[in-house]
PDB file of N, CA and C in Angstrom:
ATOM      1  N   MET A   1      71.216  63.680  15.802  1.00  0.00           N
ATOM      2  CA  MET A   1      69.701  64.200  15.616  1.00  0.00           C
ATOM      3  C   MET A   1      69.625  64.898  14.260  1.00  0.00           C
ATOM      4  N   TRP A   2      68.163  65.373  14.007  1.00  0.00           N
ATOM      5  CA  TRP A   2      68.409  66.170  12.728  1.00  0.00           C
ATOM      6  C   TRP A   2      68.324  67.954  13.468  1.00  0.00           C
ATOM      7  N   TRP A   3      67.715  68.186  14.709  1.00  0.00           N
ATOM      8  CA  TRP A   3      67.630  69.433  14.728  1.00  0.00           C
ATOM      9  C   TRP A   3      69.040  69.987  15.138  1.00  0.00           C
ATOM     10  N   GLN A   4      69.796  69.086  15.890  1.00  0.00           N
ATOM     11  CA  GLN A   4      71.029  69.552  16.312  1.00  0.00           C
ATOM     12  C   GLN A   4      72.342  69.991  14.892  1.00  0.00           C
ATOM     13  N   ASP A   5      72.310  69.521  13.758  1.00  0.00           N
ATOM     14  CA  ASP A   5      72.934  69.410  12.744  1.00  0.00           C
ATOM     15  C   ASP A   5      72.407  70.884  12.087  1.00  0.00           C
ATOM     16  N   LEU A   6      71.302  70.948  12.441  1.00  0.00           N
ATOM     17  CA  LEU A   6      70.782  72.075  12.257  1.00  0.00           C
ATOM     18  C   LEU A   6      70.704  73.073  12.926  1.00  0.00           C
ATOM     19  N   PHE A   7      70.991  73.216  14.230  1.00  0.00           N
ATOM     20  CA  PHE A   7      71.325  74.391  14.629  1.00  0.00           C
ATOM     21  C   PHE A   7      72.891  74.245  14.319  1.00  0.00           C
ATOM     22  N   LEU A   8      73.841  73.292  14.467  1.00  0.00           N
ATOM     23  CA  LEU A   8      75.160  73.995  14.354  1.00  0.00           C
ATOM     24  C   LEU A   8      75.554  74.246  12.808  1.00  0.00           C
ATOM     25  N   GLY A   9      75.138  73.783  12.015  1.00  0.00           N
ATOM     26  CA  GLY A   9      74.795  74.553  10.699  1.00  0.00           C
ATOM     27  C   GLY A   9      74.327  75.714  10.927  1.00  0.00           C
ATOM     28  N   PHE A  10      73.086  76.261  11.347  1.00  0.00           N
ATOM     29  CA  PHE A  10      72.885  77.521  11.385  1.00  0.00           C
ATOM     30  C   PHE A  10      74.119  78.573  12.316  1.00  0.00           C
ATOM     31  N   TRP A  11      74.716  78.377  13.362  1.00  0.00           N
ATOM     32  CA  TRP A  11      75.460  79.192  14.191  1.00  0.00           C
ATOM     33  C   TRP A  11      76.956  78.944  13.225  1.00  0.00           C
ATOM     34  N   ASN A  12      77.352  77.913  12.282  1.00  0.00           N
ATOM     35  CA  ASN A  12      78.795  78.073  11.942  1.00  0.00           C
ATOM     36  C   ASN A  12      78.170  78.564  10.516  1.00  0.00           C
ATOM     37  N   GLY A  13      77.071  79.152   9.977  1.00  0.00           N
ATOM     38  CA  GLY A  13      77.035  79.757   8.936  1.00  0.00           C
ATOM     39  C   GLY A  13      77.019  81.220   9.363  1.00  0.00           C
ATOM     40  N   PHE A  14      76.313  81.454  10.473  1.00  0.00           N
ATOM     41  CA  PHE A  14      76.033  83.015  11.449  1.00  0.00           C
ATOM     42  C   PHE A  14      77.355  83.773  11.167  1.00  0.00           C
ATOM     43  N   THR A  15      78.306  82.965  11.815  1.00  0.00           N
ATOM     44  CA  THR A  15      79.733  83.238  12.307  1.00  0.00           C
ATOM     45  C   THR A  15      80.703  83.329  11.163  1.00  0.00           C
ATOM     46  N   ALA A  16      80.452  82.767  10.026  1.00  0.00           N
ATOM     47  CA  ALA A  16      81.380  82.252   8.740  1.00  0.00           C
ATOM     48  C   ALA A  16      81.951  83.373   8.676  1.00  0.00           C
ATOM     49  N   TRP A  17      81.256  84.303   8.215  1.00  0.00           N
ATOM     50  CA  TRP A  17      81.477  86.014   8.134  1.00  0.00           C
ATOM     51  C   TRP A  17      83.031  86.136   8.138  1.00  0.00           C
ATOM     52  N   ILE A  18      82.753  86.367   9.757  1.00  0.00           N
ATOM     53  CA  ILE A  18      83.681  86.707  10.400  1.00  0.00           C
ATOM     54  C   ILE A  18      84.915  85.768  10.803  1.00  0.00           C
ATOM     55  N   VAL A  19      84.712  84.527  10.843  1.00  0.00           N
ATOM     56  CA  VAL A  19      85.467  83.695  10.637  1.00  0.00           C
ATOM     57  C   VAL A  19      86.326  83.782   9.343  1.00  0.00           C
ATOM     58  N   PHE A  20      85.976  83.655   8.080  1.00  0.00           N
ATOM     59  CA  PHE A  20      86.329  83.932   6.763  1.00  0.00           C
ATOM     60  C   PHE A  20      87.076  85.425   7.244  1.00  0.00           C
ATOM     61  N   ILE A  21      86.673  86.511   7.032  1.00  0.00           N
ATOM     62  CA  ILE A  21      87.561  87.637   7.166  1.00  0.00           C
ATOM     63  C   ILE A  21      89.107  87.124   7.912  1.00  0.00           C
ATOM     64  N   VAL A  22      88.399  86.820   9.095  1.00  0.00           N
ATOM     65  CA  VAL A  22      90.135  86.622  10.051  1.00  0.00           C
ATOM     66  C   VAL A  22      90.722  85.342   8.776  1.00  0.00           C
ATOM     67  N   HIS A  23      90.089  84.912   8.630  1.00  0.00           N
ATOM     68  CA  HIS A  23      90.972  83.300   7.836  1.00  0.00           C
ATOM     69  C   HIS A  23      91.644  83.943   6.644  1.00  0.00           C
ATOM     70  N   LEU A  24      91.232  85.053   6.260  1.00  0.00           N
ATOM     71  CA  LEU A  24      91.794  85.845   5.025  1.00  0.00           C
ATOM     72  C   LEU A  24      93.168  86.243   5.402  1.00  0.00           C
ATOM     73  N   PHE A  25      92.887  86.806   6.594  1.00  0.00           N
ATOM     74  CA  PHE A  25      94.131  87.221   7.436  1.00  0.00           C
ATOM     75  C   PHE A  25      95.316  86.535   8.112  1.00  0.00           C
ATOM     76  N   GLY A  26      94.823  84.954   8.125  1.00  0.00           N
ATOM     77  CA  GLY A  26      95.954  84.332   8.416  1.00  0.00           C
ATOM     78  C   GLY A  26      95.992  83.657  10.089  1.00  0.00           C
ATOM     79  N   GLY A  27      94.370  84.140  10.640  1.00  0.00           N
ATOM     80  CA  GLY A  27      94.452  83.819  11.958  1.00  0.00           C
ATOM     81  C   GLY A  27      93.612  82.580  12.182  1.00  0.00           C
ATOM     82  N   TRP A  28      92.907  82.178  13.395  1.00  0.00           N
ATOM     83  CA  TRP A  28      92.397  80.868  13.988  1.00  0.00           C
ATOM     84  C   TRP A  28      92.490  79.722  13.108  1.00  0.00           C
ATOM     85  N   PRO A  29      93.400  79.397  12.749  1.00  0.00           N
ATOM     86  CA  PRO A  29      93.400  77.962  11.631  1.00  0.00           C
ATOM     87  C   PRO A  29      93.128  77.047  12.323  1.00  0.00           C
ATOM     88  N   GLU A  30      92.773  76.802  13.469  1.00  0.00           N
ATOM     89  CA  GLU A  30      91.663  75.826  14.794  1.00  0.00           C
ATOM     90  C   GLU A  30      90.702  75.484  14.455  1.00  0.00           C
ATOM     91  N   PHE A  31      89.745  77.020  13.817  1.00  0.00           N
ATOM     92  CA  PHE A  31      88.622  77.256  13.435  1.00  0.00           C
ATOM     93  C   PHE A  31      88.163  76.967  12.319  1.00  0.00           C
ATOM     94  N   PRO A  32      87.085  75.962  11.765  1.00  0.00           N
ATOM     95  CA  PRO A  32      86.973  75.743  10.097  1.00  0.00           C
ATOM     96  C   PRO A  32      85.973  76.694  10.044  1.00  0.00           C
ATOM     97  N   PHE A  33      86.134  77.177   8.920  1.00  0.00           N
ATOM     98  CA  PHE A  33      84.957  77.979   8.095  1.00  0.00           C
ATOM     99  C   PHE A  33      83.836  77.050   7.963  1.00  0.00           C
ATOM    100  N   TYR A  34      83.704  75.399   7.548  1.00  0.00           N
ATOM    101  CA  TYR A  34      82.626  74.873   7.428  1.00  0.00           C
ATOM    102  C   TYR A  34      82.976  73.375   8.004  1.00  0.00           C
ATOM    103  N   ASP A  35      82.410  73.014   8.376  1.00  0.00           N
ATOM    104  CA  ASP A  35      82.610  71.644   9.243  1.00  0.00           C
ATOM    105  C   ASP A  35      82.377  70.597   8.694  1.00  0.00           C
ATOM    106  N   PHE A  36      83.219  70.119   7.852  1.00  0.00           N
ATOM    107  CA  PHE A  36      83.345  68.694   6.682  1.00  0.00           C
ATOM    108  C   PHE A  36      82.632  67.817   8.054  1.00  0.00           C
ATOM    109  N   ALA A  37      82.758  67.256   9.338  1.00  0.00           N
ATOM    110  CA  ALA A  37      82.882  66.278  10.037  1.00  0.00           C
ATOM    111  C   ALA A  37      81.277  66.279  10.136  1.00  0.00           C
ATOM    112  N   HIS A  38      80.190  67.667  10.394  1.00  0.00           N
ATOM    113  CA  HIS A  38      78.756  67.578  10.538  1.00  0.00           C
ATOM    114  C   HIS A  38      78.318  67.475   9.228  1.00  0.00           C
ATOM    115  N   GLY A  39      78.985  67.584   7.430  1.00  0.00           N
ATOM    116  CA  GLY A  39      78.205  67.700   6.629  1.00  0.00           C
ATOM    117  C   GLY A  39      76.713  66.916   6.477  1.00  0.00           C
ATOM    118  N   GLY A  40      75.787  66.997   5.913  1.00  0.00           N
ATOM    119  CA  GLY A  40      74.916  66.571   5.359  1.00  0.00           C
ATOM    120  C   GLY A  40      73.353  67.723   5.559  1.00  0.00           C
ATOM    121  N   ASN A  41      72.667  66.731   4.911  1.00  0.00           N
ATOM    122  CA  ASN A  41      71.759  67.787   4.358  1.00  0.00           C
ATOM    123  C   ASN A  41      70.826  69.062   5.925  1.00  0.00           C
ATOM    124  N   TRP A  42      71.051  68.546   6.628  1.00  0.00           N
ATOM    125  CA  TRP A  42      69.976  69.698   7.953  1.00  0.00           C
ATOM    126  C   TRP A  42      71.453  70.722   7.983  1.00  0.00           C
ATOM    127  N   TYR A  43      72.652  70.508   8.319  1.00  0.00           N
ATOM    128  CA  TYR A  43      73.729  71.633   8.266  1.00  0.00           C
ATOM    129  C   TYR A  43      73.357  72.363   7.537  1.00  0.00           C
ATOM    130  N   ASP A  44      73.874  71.566   6.232  1.00  0.00           N
ATOM    131  CA  ASP A  44      74.152  72.274   5.021  1.00  0.00           C
ATOM    132  C   ASP A  44      73.163  73.396   4.861  1.00  0.00           C
ATOM    133  N   PHE A  45      71.792  73.331   4.678  1.00  0.00           N
ATOM    134  CA  PHE A  45      70.600  74.213   4.968  1.00  0.00           C
ATOM    135  C   PHE A  45      70.850  75.320   6.180  1.00  0.00           C
ATOM    136  N   GLY A  46      71.092  74.582   7.353  1.00  0.00           N
ATOM    137  CA  GLY A  46      71.247  75.707   8.629  1.00  0.00           C
ATOM    138  C   GLY A  46      72.317  76.426   8.287  1.00  0.00           C
ATOM    139  N   PHE A  47      73.685  76.143   7.362  1.00  0.00           N
ATOM    140  CA  PHE A  47      74.666  77.049   7.015  1.00  0.00           C
ATOM    141  C   PHE A  47      74.242  77.822   6.043  1.00  0.00           C
ATOM    142  N   LEU A  48      73.221  77.708   5.368  1.00  0.00           N
ATOM    143  CA  LEU A  48      73.590  78.288   4.197  1.00  0.00           C
ATOM    144  C   LEU A  48      72.156  79.234   4.685  1.00  0.00           C
ATOM    145  N   VAL A  49      70.940  79.336   5.714  1.00  0.00           N
ATOM    146  CA  VAL A  49      69.987  80.064   6.005  1.00  0.00           C
ATOM    147  C   VAL A  49      71.209  81.057   6.956  1.00  0.00           C
ATOM    148  N   GLY A  50      71.773  80.236   7.385  1.00  0.00           N
ATOM    149  CA  GLY A  50      73.083  81.156   8.815  1.00  0.00           C
ATOM    150  C   GLY A  50      73.931  82.166   8.351  1.00  0.00           C
ATOM    151  N   ALA A  51      74.228  81.741   6.849  1.00  0.00           N
ATOM    152  CA  ALA A  51      74.861  82.181   5.995  1.00  0.00           C
ATOM    153  C   ALA A  51      74.266  83.543   5.132  1.00  0.00           C
ATOM    154  N   GLY A  52      73.674  83.609   4.676  1.00  0.00           N
ATOM    155  CA  GLY A  52      72.540  84.357   4.280  1.00  0.00           C
ATOM    156  C   GLY A  52      71.763  85.307   5.021  1.00  0.00           C
ATOM    157  N   SER A  53      72.011  85.383   6.554  1.00  0.00           N
ATOM    158  CA  SER A  53      71.085  85.809   7.311  1.00  0.00           C
ATOM    159  C   SER A  53      71.414  87.562   7.234  1.00  0.00           C
ATOM    160  N   PRO A  54      72.609  87.445   7.286  1.00  0.00           N
ATOM    161  CA  PRO A  54      73.116  89.351   7.699  1.00  0.00           C
ATOM    162  C   PRO A  54      73.084  89.730   6.354  1.00  0.00           C
ATOM    163  N   LEU A  55      73.246  89.187   5.063  1.00  0.00           N
ATOM    164  CA  LEU A  55      72.094  89.765   4.066  1.00  0.00           C
ATOM    165  C   LEU A  55      71.121  90.160   3.576  1.00  0.00           C
ATOM    166  N   LEU A  56      70.599  88.856   3.958  1.00  0.00           N
ATOM    167  CA  LEU A  56      68.926  89.250   4.298  1.00  0.00           C
ATOM    168  C   LEU A  56      68.149  90.441   5.476  1.00  0.00           C
ATOM    169  N   GLY A  57      68.773  90.640   5.772  1.00  0.00           N
ATOM    170  CA  GLY A  57      69.051  92.123   6.906  1.00  0.00           C
ATOM    171  C   GLY A  57      69.191  93.277   6.477  1.00  0.00           C
ATOM    172  N   PHE A  58      70.270  93.048   5.302  1.00  0.00           N
ATOM    173  CA  PHE A  58      70.530  94.552   4.733  1.00  0.00           C
ATOM    174  C   PHE A  58      69.863  94.429   3.761  1.00  0.00           C
ATOM    175  N   MET A  59      69.269  93.226   2.541  1.00  0.00           N
ATOM    176  CA  MET A  59      68.126  93.952   1.883  1.00  0.00           C
ATOM    177  C   MET A  59      66.826  94.518   2.423  1.00  0.00           C
ATOM    178  N   GLY A  60      66.640  94.129   4.126  1.00  0.00           N
ATOM    179  CA  GLY A  60      65.570  94.688   3.884  1.00  0.00           C
ATOM    180  C   GLY A  60      65.731  96.048   4.446  1.00  0.00           C
ATOM    181  N   ALA A  61      67.227  96.636   4.817  1.00  0.00           N
ATOM    182  CA  ALA A  61      66.874  97.385   5.166  1.00  0.00           C
ATOM    183  C   ALA A  61      66.966  98.656   4.306  1.00  0.00           C
ATOM    184  N   GLY A  62      67.480  98.441   3.123  1.00  0.00           N
ATOM    185  CA  GLY A  62      67.739  99.099   1.764  1.00  0.00           C
ATOM    186  C   GLY A  62      66.434  99.389   1.479  1.00  0.00           C
ATOM    187  N   SER A  63      65.268  98.377   1.804  1.00  0.00           N
ATOM    188  CA  SER A  63      63.881  98.698   0.704  1.00  0.00           C
ATOM    189  C   SER A  63      63.281  99.491   1.677  1.00  0.00           C
ATOM    190  N   ARG A  64      63.801  99.443   3.496  1.00  0.00           N
ATOM    191  CA  ARG A  64      62.497 100.289   3.989  1.00  0.00           C
ATOM    192  C   ARG A  64      63.226 102.070   3.866  1.00  0.00           C
ATOM    193  N   SER A  65      64.836 102.101   3.307  1.00  0.00           N
ATOM    194  CA  SER A  65      65.107 103.534   2.824  1.00  0.00           C
ATOM    195  C   SER A  65      64.894 104.033   2.198  1.00  0.00           C
ATOM    196  N   SER A  66      64.107 102.836   1.022  1.00  0.00           N
ATOM    197  CA  SER A  66      63.493 103.934  -0.399  1.00  0.00           C
ATOM    198  C   SER A  66      62.299 104.025  -0.230  1.00  0.00           C
ATOM    199  N   ARG A  67      61.489 103.238   0.931  1.00  0.00           N
ATOM    200  CA  ARG A  67      59.660 104.164   0.966  1.00  0.00           C
ATOM    201  C   ARG A  67      60.132 105.659   1.538  1.00  0.00           C
ATOM    202  N   VAL A  68      61.151 105.586   2.274  1.00  0.00           N
ATOM    203  CA  VAL A  68      61.111 106.970   3.172  1.00  0.00           C
ATOM    204  C   VAL A  68      61.669 108.072   1.992  1.00  0.00           C
ATOM    205  N   ARG A  69      62.639 107.673   0.940  1.00  0.00           N
ATOM    206  CA  ARG A  69      62.602 108.535   0.135  1.00  0.00           C
ATOM    207  C   ARG A  69      61.693 108.987  -1.108  1.00  0.00           C
ATOM    208  N   GLN A  70      60.267 108.400  -0.761  1.00  0.00           N
ATOM    209  CA  GLN A  70      59.714 108.908  -1.756  1.00  0.00           C
ATOM    210  C   GLN A  70      58.182 109.371  -0.955  1.00  0.00           C
ATOM    211  N   GLN A  71      58.872 110.615  -0.328  1.00  0.00           N
ATOM    212  CA  GLN A  71      57.808 111.339   0.203  1.00  0.00           C
ATOM    213  C   GLN A  71      57.698 112.432  -0.729  1.00  0.00           C
ATOM    214  N   LYS A  72      56.493 113.101  -0.594  1.00  0.00           N
ATOM    215  CA  LYS A  72      55.863 114.004  -1.066  1.00  0.00           C
ATOM    216  C   LYS A  72      56.468 115.487  -1.158  1.00  0.00           C
ATOM    217  N   GLN A  73      56.565 115.594  -2.672  1.00  0.00           N
ATOM    218  CA  GLN A  73      57.119 116.871  -3.018  1.00  0.00           C
ATOM    219  C   GLN A  73      56.157 118.272  -2.667  1.00  0.00           C
ATOM    220  N   PRO A  74      56.900 119.307  -2.239  1.00  0.00           N
ATOM    221  CA  PRO A  74      55.820 120.210  -2.089  1.00  0.00           C
ATOM    222  C   PRO A  74      55.290 120.584  -3.186  1.00  0.00           C
ATOM    223  N   GLY A  75      53.626 120.883  -2.829  1.00  0.00           N
ATOM    224  CA  GLY A  75      52.594 121.650  -3.674  1.00  0.00           C
ATOM    225  C   GLY A  75      51.985 119.925  -4.559  1.00  0.00           C
ATOM    226  N   GLU A  76      52.329 119.203  -3.462  1.00  0.00           N
ATOM    227  CA  GLU A  76      51.174 118.063  -4.835  1.00  0.00           C
ATOM    228  C   GLU A  76      50.031 118.055  -3.787  1.00  0.00           C
ATOM    229  N   ASN A  77      49.191 117.275  -4.120  1.00  0.00           N
ATOM    230  CA  ASN A  77      47.719 117.162  -4.264  1.00  0.00           C
ATOM    231  C   ASN A  77      47.736 116.011  -2.406  1.00  0.00           C
ATOM    232  N   SER A  78      47.499 116.492  -1.351  1.00  0.00           N
ATOM    233  CA  SER A  78      47.996 115.798  -0.487  1.00  0.00           C
ATOM    234  C   SER A  78      46.847 114.406  -0.078  1.00  0.00           C
ATOM    235  N   ASN A  79      45.335 114.710  -1.249  1.00  0.00           N
ATOM    236  CA  ASN A  79      44.704 112.928  -1.262  1.00  0.00           C
ATOM    237  C   ASN A  79      45.317 111.945  -2.072  1.00  0.00           C
ATOM    238  N   VAL A  80      46.095 112.273  -2.595  1.00  0.00           N
ATOM    239  CA  VAL A  80      46.927 111.492  -3.644  1.00  0.00           C
ATOM    240  C   VAL A  80      47.868 110.413  -2.769  1.00  0.00           C
ATOM    241  N   THR A  81      47.399 109.082  -2.649  1.00  0.00           N
ATOM    242  CA  THR A  81      48.617 108.352  -2.231  1.00  0.00           C
ATOM    243  C   THR A  81      49.547 107.439  -3.341  1.00  0.00           C
ATOM    244  N   MET A  82      50.959 107.272  -2.853  1.00  0.00           N
ATOM    245  CA  MET A  82      51.825 106.491  -3.749  1.00  0.00           C
ATOM    246  C   MET A  82      51.550 104.923  -3.021  1.00  0.00           C
ATOM    247  N   PRO A  83      51.530 104.091  -3.988  1.00  0.00           N
ATOM    248  CA  PRO A  83      51.380 103.015  -4.233  1.00  0.00           C
ATOM    249  C   PRO A  83      52.753 102.387  -3.585  1.00  0.00           C
ATOM    250  N   TYR A  84      52.915 101.445  -2.369  1.00  0.00           N
ATOM    251  CA  TYR A  84      54.466 101.014  -2.504  1.00  0.00           C
ATOM    252  C   TYR A  84      54.486  98.794  -3.172  1.00  0.00           C
TER     253      TYR A  84
END
């Protein structure tokens, strides 16, 4: 079923970063980084979304912290608002 492949791809993509780091040091040879047996369009889509989700979270946190840094300097007019 397509939704099972999507979920499995998402899960494998989400855990791929941990598995990749462990594979670099020679651990977990029985756990594949990418499951070729389930490879297909829905699995691939889920894998890409799952692997990219931690990166998207870091990008959102970076844009949020840059807005905090754009605070008013002392002596600025308090009626002027900064567009975001």
